[in-house]
Amino acid sequence: MKTHLGFVSNSSSASFIVNKAYLTPAQSFIVEHHVDSAAKSSMDWPDEADGWIMEDNGTYYRFSTWMDNFALDEFFESMGIHIENYHSGS
């Protein structure tokens, strides 16, 4: 059995939360505008990639997806938003 803390995914869906307490205002902006921010970054952005569904509950951002989305975890890491601030959230 494989166990992975943090970003959790299977072939068709994934979800995780990012705790706002660990983010700077600039990082919060990147999180809230992840599609535009990633497209403007040096990250290899696939043409067919979609954005993630984001919910803001005031304390954390919850991200979910159903299909093939871009590697949001890799993008956040490249922007200094570290994986240890992610928690699986179903």
PDB file of N, CA and C in Angstrom:
ATOM      1  N   MET A   1       0.838  -1.178   0.000  1.00  0.00           N
ATOM      2  CA  MET A   1       0.000   0.000   0.000  1.00  0.00           C
ATOM      3  C   MET A   1       0.880   1.239   0.000  1.00  0.00           C
ATOM      4  N   LYS A   2       0.565   2.188  -0.861  1.00  0.00           N
ATOM      5  CA  LYS A   2       1.332   3.423  -0.956  1.00  0.00           C
ATOM      6  C   LYS A   2       0.622   4.517  -0.168  1.00  0.00           C
ATOM      7  N   THR A   3       1.346   5.207   0.678  1.00  0.00           N
ATOM      8  CA  THR A   3       0.801   6.307   1.461  1.00  0.00           C
ATOM      9  C   THR A   3       1.505   7.582   1.061  1.00  0.00           C
ATOM     10  N   HIS A   4       0.741   8.645   0.872  1.00  0.00           N
ATOM     11  CA  HIS A   4       1.315   9.927   0.485  1.00  0.00           C
ATOM     12  C   HIS A   4       0.653  11.016   1.311  1.00  0.00           C
ATOM     13  N   LEU A   5       1.430  11.753   2.082  1.00  0.00           N
ATOM     14  CA  LEU A   5       0.897  12.873   2.839  1.00  0.00           C
ATOM     15  C   LEU A   5       0.866  14.093   1.946  1.00  0.00           C
ATOM     16  N   GLY A   6      -0.171  14.883   2.057  1.00  0.00           N
ATOM     17  CA  GLY A   6      -0.244  16.115   1.285  1.00  0.00           C
ATOM     18  C   GLY A   6      -1.141  15.954   0.078  1.00  0.00           C
ATOM     19  N   PHE A   7      -0.615  16.335  -1.076  1.00  0.00           N
ATOM     20  CA  PHE A   7      -1.375  16.301  -2.317  1.00  0.00           C
ATOM     21  C   PHE A   7      -1.751  14.864  -2.643  1.00  0.00           C
ATOM     22  N   VAL A   8      -3.051  14.599  -2.794  1.00  0.00           N
ATOM     23  CA  VAL A   8      -3.536  13.251  -3.041  1.00  0.00           C
ATOM     24  C   VAL A   8      -4.279  13.237  -4.367  1.00  0.00           C
ATOM     25  N   SER A   9      -3.993  12.238  -5.195  1.00  0.00           N
ATOM     26  CA  SER A   9      -4.616  12.190  -6.511  1.00  0.00           C
ATOM     27  C   SER A   9      -4.829  10.746  -6.946  1.00  0.00           C
ATOM     28  N   ASN A  10      -5.843  10.547  -7.767  1.00  0.00           N
ATOM     29  CA  ASN A  10      -5.961   9.302  -8.522  1.00  0.00           C
ATOM     30  C   ASN A  10      -6.146   9.712  -9.977  1.00  0.00           C
ATOM     31  N   SER A  11      -6.484   8.797 -10.835  1.00  0.00           N
ATOM     32  CA  SER A  11      -6.497   9.116 -12.260  1.00  0.00           C
ATOM     33  C   SER A  11      -7.598  10.087 -12.670  1.00  0.00           C
ATOM     34  N   SER A  12      -8.643  10.235 -11.863  1.00  0.00           N
ATOM     35  CA  SER A  12      -9.743  11.083 -12.318  1.00  0.00           C
ATOM     36  C   SER A  12     -10.099  12.232 -11.380  1.00  0.00           C
ATOM     37  N   SER A  13      -9.614  12.231 -10.156  1.00  0.00           N
ATOM     38  CA  SER A  13      -9.965  13.324  -9.256  1.00  0.00           C
ATOM     39  C   SER A  13      -8.876  13.532  -8.212  1.00  0.00           C
ATOM     40  N   ALA A  14      -8.887  14.720  -7.642  1.00  0.00           N
ATOM     41  CA  ALA A  14      -7.944  15.060  -6.587  1.00  0.00           C
ATOM     42  C   ALA A  14      -8.521  16.220  -5.796  1.00  0.00           C
ATOM     43  N   SER A  15      -8.121  16.318  -4.536  1.00  0.00           N
ATOM     44  CA  SER A  15      -8.485  17.489  -3.758  1.00  0.00           C
ATOM     45  C   SER A  15      -7.464  17.688  -2.650  1.00  0.00           C
ATOM     46  N   PHE A  16      -7.292  18.931  -2.260  1.00  0.00           N
ATOM     47  CA  PHE A  16      -6.426  19.265  -1.140  1.00  0.00           C
ATOM     48  C   PHE A  16      -6.770  20.657  -0.670  1.00  0.00           C
ATOM     49  N   ILE A  17      -6.281  21.007   0.521  1.00  0.00           N
ATOM     50  CA  ILE A  17      -6.509  22.341   1.050  1.00  0.00           C
ATOM     51  C   ILE A  17      -5.180  23.016   1.332  1.00  0.00           C
ATOM     52  N   VAL A  18      -5.174  24.338   1.219  1.00  0.00           N
ATOM     53  CA  VAL A  18      -4.010  25.150   1.536  1.00  0.00           C
ATOM     54  C   VAL A  18      -4.427  26.073   2.672  1.00  0.00           C
ATOM     55  N   ASN A  19      -3.768  25.951   3.807  1.00  0.00           N
ATOM     56  CA  ASN A  19      -4.067  26.763   4.976  1.00  0.00           C
ATOM     57  C   ASN A  19      -3.587  28.188   4.744  1.00  0.00           C
ATOM     58  N   LYS A  20      -4.487  29.160   4.849  1.00  0.00           N
ATOM     59  CA  LYS A  20      -4.148  30.558   4.608  1.00  0.00           C
ATOM     60  C   LYS A  20      -3.147  31.107   5.631  1.00  0.00           C
ATOM     61  N   ALA A  21      -3.098  30.511   6.804  1.00  0.00           N
ATOM     62  CA  ALA A  21      -2.211  31.002   7.861  1.00  0.00           C
ATOM     63  C   ALA A  21      -0.739  30.939   7.461  1.00  0.00           C
ATOM     64  N   TYR A  22      -0.403  30.074   6.515  1.00  0.00           N
ATOM     65  CA  TYR A  22       0.984  29.899   6.083  1.00  0.00           C
ATOM     66  C   TYR A  22       1.358  30.754   4.872  1.00  0.00           C
ATOM     67  N   LEU A  23       0.427  31.544   4.356  1.00  0.00           N
ATOM     68  CA  LEU A  23       0.662  32.281   3.119  1.00  0.00           C
ATOM     69  C   LEU A  23       0.886  33.769   3.367  1.00  0.00           C
ATOM     70  N   THR A  24       1.772  34.346   2.586  1.00  0.00           N
ATOM     71  CA  THR A  24       1.935  35.794   2.563  1.00  0.00           C
ATOM     72  C   THR A  24       0.809  36.369   1.698  1.00  0.00           C
ATOM     73  N   PRO A  25       0.569  37.677   1.764  1.00  0.00           N
ATOM     74  CA  PRO A  25      -0.440  38.258   0.864  1.00  0.00           C
ATOM     75  C   PRO A  25      -0.133  37.996  -0.609  1.00  0.00           C
ATOM     76  N   ALA A  26       1.136  38.057  -1.005  1.00  0.00           N
ATOM     77  CA  ALA A  26       1.499  37.790  -2.409  1.00  0.00           C
ATOM     78  C   ALA A  26       1.194  36.342  -2.777  1.00  0.00           C
ATOM     79  N   GLN A  27       1.462  35.400  -1.876  1.00  0.00           N
ATOM     80  CA  GLN A  27       1.165  33.995  -2.147  1.00  0.00           C
ATOM     81  C   GLN A  27      -0.343  33.760  -2.214  1.00  0.00           C
ATOM     82  N   SER A  28      -1.111  34.432  -1.363  1.00  0.00           N
ATOM     83  CA  SER A  28      -2.574  34.318  -1.426  1.00  0.00           C
ATOM     84  C   SER A  28      -3.091  34.776  -2.784  1.00  0.00           C
ATOM     85  N   PHE A  29      -2.518  35.854  -3.308  1.00  0.00           N
ATOM     86  CA  PHE A  29      -2.910  36.335  -4.633  1.00  0.00           C
ATOM     87  C   PHE A  29      -2.626  35.270  -5.685  1.00  0.00           C
ATOM     88  N   ILE A  30      -1.447  34.648  -5.613  1.00  0.00           N
ATOM     89  CA  ILE A  30      -1.088  33.588  -6.567  1.00  0.00           C
ATOM     90  C   ILE A  30      -2.072  32.431  -6.469  1.00  0.00           C
ATOM     91  N   VAL A  31      -2.410  32.032  -5.248  1.00  0.00           N
ATOM     92  CA  VAL A  31      -3.344  30.927  -5.048  1.00  0.00           C
ATOM     93  C   VAL A  31      -4.711  31.282  -5.634  1.00  0.00           C
ATOM     94  N   GLU A  32      -5.203  32.475  -5.309  1.00  0.00           N
ATOM     95  CA  GLU A  32      -6.528  32.886  -5.781  1.00  0.00           C
ATOM     96  C   GLU A  32      -6.588  33.035  -7.302  1.00  0.00           C
ATOM     97  N   HIS A  33      -5.468  33.377  -7.909  1.00  0.00           N
ATOM     98  CA  HIS A  33      -5.406  33.583  -9.358  1.00  0.00           C
ATOM     99  C   HIS A  33      -4.473  32.550  -9.999  1.00  0.00           C
ATOM    100  N   HIS A  34      -4.588  31.298  -9.567  1.00  0.00           N
ATOM    101  CA  HIS A  34      -3.636  30.259  -9.956  1.00  0.00           C
ATOM    102  C   HIS A  34      -3.562  30.023 -11.459  1.00  0.00           C
ATOM    103  N   VAL A  35      -4.665  30.138 -12.175  1.00  0.00           N
ATOM    104  CA  VAL A  35      -4.631  29.890 -13.617  1.00  0.00           C
ATOM    105  C   VAL A  35      -3.816  30.967 -14.327  1.00  0.00           C
ATOM    106  N   ASP A  36      -4.151  32.227 -14.079  1.00  0.00           N
ATOM    107  CA  ASP A  36      -3.418  33.324 -14.722  1.00  0.00           C
ATOM    108  C   ASP A  36      -1.966  33.368 -14.261  1.00  0.00           C
ATOM    109  N   SER A  37      -1.744  33.139 -12.962  1.00  0.00           N
ATOM    110  CA  SER A  37      -0.381  33.175 -12.429  1.00  0.00           C
ATOM    111  C   SER A  37       0.482  32.083 -13.038  1.00  0.00           C
ATOM    112  N   ALA A  38      -0.065  30.884 -13.175  1.00  0.00           N
ATOM    113  CA  ALA A  38       0.703  29.782 -13.758  1.00  0.00           C
ATOM    114  C   ALA A  38       0.976  30.031 -15.232  1.00  0.00           C
ATOM    115  N   ALA A  39      -0.004  30.584 -15.939  1.00  0.00           N
ATOM    116  CA  ALA A  39       0.184  30.854 -17.370  1.00  0.00           C
ATOM    117  C   ALA A  39       1.280  31.888 -17.599  1.00  0.00           C
ATOM    118  N   LYS A  40       1.443  32.819 -16.672  1.00  0.00           N
ATOM    119  CA  LYS A  40       2.460  33.870 -16.793  1.00  0.00           C
ATOM    120  C   LYS A  40       3.825  33.440 -16.252  1.00  0.00           C
ATOM    121  N   SER A  41       3.873  32.305 -15.577  1.00  0.00           N
ATOM    122  CA  SER A  41       5.124  31.833 -14.975  1.00  0.00           C
ATOM    123  C   SER A  41       5.985  31.122 -16.013  1.00  0.00           C
ATOM    124  N   SER A  42       7.169  30.717 -15.576  1.00  0.00           N
ATOM    125  CA  SER A  42       8.061  29.973 -16.465  1.00  0.00           C
ATOM    126  C   SER A  42       7.723  28.479 -16.505  1.00  0.00           C
ATOM    127  N   MET A  43       6.677  28.071 -15.798  1.00  0.00           N
ATOM    128  CA  MET A  43       6.257  26.676 -15.770  1.00  0.00           C
ATOM    129  C   MET A  43       5.773  26.252 -17.153  1.00  0.00           C
ATOM    130  N   ASP A  44       6.058  25.018 -17.526  1.00  0.00           N
ATOM    131  CA  ASP A  44       5.587  24.470 -18.799  1.00  0.00           C
ATOM    132  C   ASP A  44       4.086  24.242 -18.689  1.00  0.00           C
ATOM    133  N   TRP A  45       3.308  25.114 -19.295  1.00  0.00           N
ATOM    134  CA  TRP A  45       1.846  25.105 -19.190  1.00  0.00           C
ATOM    135  C   TRP A  45       1.253  24.377 -20.388  1.00  0.00           C
ATOM    136  N   PRO A  46       0.683  23.183 -20.187  1.00  0.00           N
ATOM    137  CA  PRO A  46       0.090  22.462 -21.328  1.00  0.00           C
ATOM    138  C   PRO A  46      -1.143  23.184 -21.863  1.00  0.00           C
ATOM    139  N   ASP A  47      -1.291  23.227 -23.164  1.00  0.00           N
ATOM    140  CA  ASP A  47      -2.432  23.904 -23.780  1.00  0.00           C
ATOM    141  C   ASP A  47      -3.768  23.318 -23.342  1.00  0.00           C
ATOM    142  N   GLU A  48      -3.808  22.022 -23.093  1.00  0.00           N
ATOM    143  CA  GLU A  48      -5.067  21.368 -22.760  1.00  0.00           C
ATOM    144  C   GLU A  48      -5.392  21.385 -21.266  1.00  0.00           C
ATOM    145  N   ALA A  49      -4.529  21.968 -20.447  1.00  0.00           N
ATOM    146  CA  ALA A  49      -4.738  21.971 -18.998  1.00  0.00           C
ATOM    147  C   ALA A  49      -5.847  22.943 -18.620  1.00  0.00           C
ATOM    148  N   ASP A  50      -6.622  22.542 -17.649  1.00  0.00           N
ATOM    149  CA  ASP A  50      -7.687  23.385 -17.106  1.00  0.00           C
ATOM    150  C   ASP A  50      -7.283  23.866 -15.719  1.00  0.00           C
ATOM    151  N   GLY A  51      -7.950  24.890 -15.252  1.00  0.00           N
ATOM    152  CA  GLY A  51      -7.746  25.339 -13.883  1.00  0.00           C
ATOM    153  C   GLY A  51      -8.402  24.388 -12.902  1.00  0.00           C
ATOM    154  N   TRP A  52      -8.157  24.621 -11.645  1.00  0.00           N
ATOM    155  CA  TRP A  52      -8.734  23.819 -10.573  1.00  0.00           C
ATOM    156  C   TRP A  52      -9.957  24.534 -10.009  1.00  0.00           C
ATOM    157  N   ILE A  53     -10.873  23.783  -9.444  1.00  0.00           N
ATOM    158  CA  ILE A  53     -12.009  24.356  -8.733  1.00  0.00           C
ATOM    159  C   ILE A  53     -11.495  24.808  -7.373  1.00  0.00           C
ATOM    160  N   MET A  54     -11.713  26.075  -7.017  1.00  0.00           N
ATOM    161  CA  MET A  54     -11.216  26.596  -5.754  1.00  0.00           C
ATOM    162  C   MET A  54     -12.366  27.129  -4.922  1.00  0.00           C
ATOM    163  N   GLU A  55     -12.388  26.737  -3.662  1.00  0.00           N
ATOM    164  CA  GLU A  55     -13.351  27.264  -2.699  1.00  0.00           C
ATOM    165  C   GLU A  55     -12.557  27.953  -1.600  1.00  0.00           C
ATOM    166  N   ASP A  56     -13.010  29.128  -1.175  1.00  0.00           N
ATOM    167  CA  ASP A  56     -12.358  29.895  -0.113  1.00  0.00           C
ATOM    168  C   ASP A  56     -13.307  29.941   1.074  1.00  0.00           C
ATOM    169  N   ASN A  57     -12.937  29.274   2.177  1.00  0.00           N
ATOM    170  CA  ASN A  57     -13.826  29.277   3.329  1.00  0.00           C
ATOM    171  C   ASN A  57     -13.405  30.298   4.386  1.00  0.00           C
ATOM    172  N   GLY A  58     -12.408  31.120   4.083  1.00  0.00           N
ATOM    173  CA  GLY A  58     -11.938  32.122   5.026  1.00  0.00           C
ATOM    174  C   GLY A  58     -10.686  31.695   5.770  1.00  0.00           C
ATOM    175  N   THR A  59     -10.566  30.416   6.095  1.00  0.00           N
ATOM    176  CA  THR A  59      -9.403  29.882   6.804  1.00  0.00           C
ATOM    177  C   THR A  59      -8.466  29.156   5.853  1.00  0.00           C
ATOM    178  N   TYR A  60      -9.013  28.534   4.826  1.00  0.00           N
ATOM    179  CA  TYR A  60      -8.205  27.781   3.880  1.00  0.00           C
ATOM    180  C   TYR A  60      -8.837  27.839   2.495  1.00  0.00           C
ATOM    181  N   TYR A  61      -8.025  27.492   1.498  1.00  0.00           N
ATOM    182  CA  TYR A  61      -8.489  27.304   0.130  1.00  0.00           C
ATOM    183  C   TYR A  61      -8.620  25.806  -0.092  1.00  0.00           C
ATOM    184  N   ARG A  62      -9.733  25.369  -0.654  1.00  0.00           N
ATOM    185  CA  ARG A  62      -9.904  23.960  -0.997  1.00  0.00           C
ATOM    186  C   ARG A  62      -9.898  23.855  -2.513  1.00  0.00           C
ATOM    187  N   PHE A  63      -9.030  23.003  -3.027  1.00  0.00           N
ATOM    188  CA  PHE A  63      -8.907  22.776  -4.459  1.00  0.00           C
ATOM    189  C   PHE A  63      -9.391  21.379  -4.795  1.00  0.00           C
ATOM    190  N   SER A  64     -10.085  21.270  -5.908  1.00  0.00           N
ATOM    191  CA  SER A  64     -10.493  19.951  -6.385  1.00  0.00           C
ATOM    192  C   SER A  64     -10.492  19.958  -7.904  1.00  0.00           C
ATOM    193  N   THR A  65     -10.436  18.776  -8.451  1.00  0.00           N
ATOM    194  CA  THR A  65     -10.449  18.605  -9.902  1.00  0.00           C
ATOM    195  C   THR A  65     -11.058  17.258 -10.229  1.00  0.00           C
ATOM    196  N   TRP A  66     -11.529  17.147 -11.450  1.00  0.00           N
ATOM    197  CA  TRP A  66     -12.131  15.892 -11.901  1.00  0.00           C
ATOM    198  C   TRP A  66     -11.380  15.267 -13.056  1.00  0.00           C
ATOM    199  N   MET A  67     -10.630  16.051 -13.794  1.00  0.00           N
ATOM    200  CA  MET A  67      -9.985  15.505 -14.980  1.00  0.00           C
ATOM    201  C   MET A  67      -8.504  15.883 -15.005  1.00  0.00           C
ATOM    202  N   ASP A  68      -7.961  16.103 -16.170  1.00  0.00           N
ATOM    203  CA  ASP A  68      -6.547  16.415 -16.320  1.00  0.00           C
ATOM    204  C   ASP A  68      -6.292  17.904 -16.151  1.00  0.00           C
ATOM    205  N   ASN A  69      -5.806  18.271 -14.997  1.00  0.00           N
ATOM    206  CA  ASN A  69      -5.460  19.647 -14.718  1.00  0.00           C
ATOM    207  C   ASN A  69      -3.949  19.775 -14.663  1.00  0.00           C
ATOM    208  N   PHE A  70      -3.453  21.000 -14.681  1.00  0.00           N
ATOM    209  CA  PHE A  70      -2.012  21.180 -14.616  1.00  0.00           C
ATOM    210  C   PHE A  70      -1.496  20.846 -13.229  1.00  0.00           C
ATOM    211  N   ALA A  71      -0.215  20.683 -13.101  1.00  0.00           N
ATOM    212  CA  ALA A  71       0.415  20.261 -11.840  1.00  0.00           C
ATOM    213  C   ALA A  71       0.458  21.431 -10.867  1.00  0.00           C
ATOM    214  N   LEU A  72      -0.672  21.663 -10.202  1.00  0.00           N
ATOM    215  CA  LEU A  72      -0.791  22.799  -9.290  1.00  0.00           C
ATOM    216  C   LEU A  72       0.191  22.699  -8.132  1.00  0.00           C
ATOM    217  N   ASP A  73       0.434  21.495  -7.642  1.00  0.00           N
ATOM    218  CA  ASP A  73       1.388  21.343  -6.543  1.00  0.00           C
ATOM    219  C   ASP A  73       2.791  21.775  -6.965  1.00  0.00           C
ATOM    220  N   GLU A  74       3.197  21.425  -8.177  1.00  0.00           N
ATOM    221  CA  GLU A  74       4.518  21.827  -8.677  1.00  0.00           C
ATOM    222  C   GLU A  74       4.587  23.336  -8.874  1.00  0.00           C
ATOM    223  N   PHE A  75       3.510  23.924  -9.382  1.00  0.00           N
ATOM    224  CA  PHE A  75       3.478  25.368  -9.584  1.00  0.00           C
ATOM    225  C   PHE A  75       3.581  26.094  -8.246  1.00  0.00           C
ATOM    226  N   PHE A  76       2.786  25.679  -7.252  1.00  0.00           N
ATOM    227  CA  PHE A  76       2.849  26.329  -5.941  1.00  0.00           C
ATOM    228  C   PHE A  76       4.249  26.217  -5.345  1.00  0.00           C
ATOM    229  N   GLU A  77       4.869  25.041  -5.443  1.00  0.00           N
ATOM    230  CA  GLU A  77       6.235  24.876  -4.935  1.00  0.00           C
ATOM    231  C   GLU A  77       7.183  25.849  -5.619  1.00  0.00           C
ATOM    232  N   SER A  78       7.034  26.034  -6.936  1.00  0.00           N
ATOM    233  CA  SER A  78       7.923  26.943  -7.668  1.00  0.00           C
ATOM    234  C   SER A  78       7.712  28.397  -7.255  1.00  0.00           C
ATOM    235  N   MET A  79       6.548  28.716  -6.674  1.00  0.00           N
ATOM    236  CA  MET A  79       6.236  30.064  -6.218  1.00  0.00           C
ATOM    237  C   MET A  79       6.530  30.242  -4.721  1.00  0.00           C
ATOM    238  N   GLY A  80       7.120  29.200  -4.093  1.00  0.00           N
ATOM    239  CA  GLY A  80       7.461  29.295  -2.678  1.00  0.00           C
ATOM    240  C   GLY A  80       6.332  28.925  -1.738  1.00  0.00           C
ATOM    241  N   ILE A  81       5.258  28.344  -2.265  1.00  0.00           N
ATOM    242  CA  ILE A  81       4.142  27.880  -1.444  1.00  0.00           C
ATOM    243  C   ILE A  81       4.389  26.388  -1.233  1.00  0.00           C
ATOM    244  N   HIS A  82       4.833  26.023  -0.048  1.00  0.00           N
ATOM    245  CA  HIS A  82       5.418  24.704   0.167  1.00  0.00           C
ATOM    246  C   HIS A  82       4.400  23.621   0.466  1.00  0.00           C
ATOM    247  N   ILE A  83       4.720  22.441  -0.012  1.00  0.00           N
ATOM    248  CA  ILE A  83       3.853  21.270   0.062  1.00  0.00           C
ATOM    249  C   ILE A  83       3.431  20.928   1.496  1.00  0.00           C
ATOM    250  N   GLU A  84       4.257  21.255   2.494  1.00  0.00           N
ATOM    251  CA  GLU A  84       3.877  20.921   3.865  1.00  0.00           C
ATOM    252  C   GLU A  84       2.657  21.713   4.324  1.00  0.00           C
ATOM    253  N   ASN A  85       2.260  22.741   3.589  1.00  0.00           N
ATOM    254  CA  ASN A  85       1.054  23.506   3.920  1.00  0.00           C
ATOM    255  C   ASN A  85      -0.194  22.929   3.290  1.00  0.00           C
ATOM    256  N   TYR A  86      -0.070  21.807   2.570  1.00  0.00           N
ATOM    257  CA  TYR A  86      -1.206  21.157   1.933  1.00  0.00           C
ATOM    258  C   TYR A  86      -1.708  20.048   2.837  1.00  0.00           C
ATOM    259  N   HIS A  87      -3.005  19.834   2.789  1.00  0.00           N
ATOM    260  CA  HIS A  87      -3.619  18.719   3.524  1.00  0.00           C
ATOM    261  C   HIS A  87      -4.669  18.125   2.619  1.00  0.00           C
ATOM    262  N   SER A  88      -4.748  16.807   2.579  1.00  0.00           N
ATOM    263  CA  SER A  88      -5.798  16.222   1.748  1.00  0.00           C
ATOM    264  C   SER A  88      -7.126  16.660   2.292  1.00  0.00           C
ATOM    265  N   GLY A  89      -8.068  16.933   1.430  1.00  0.00           N
ATOM    266  CA  GLY A  89      -9.367  17.423   1.868  1.00  0.00           C
ATOM    267  C   GLY A  89     -10.480  16.874   1.012  1.00  0.00           C
ATOM    268  N   SER A  90     -11.128  15.866   1.491  1.00  0.00           N
ATOM    269  CA  SER A  90     -12.235  15.266   0.723  1.00  0.00           C
ATOM    270  C   SER A  90     -13.543  15.667   1.326  1.00  0.00           C
TER     271      SER A  90
END
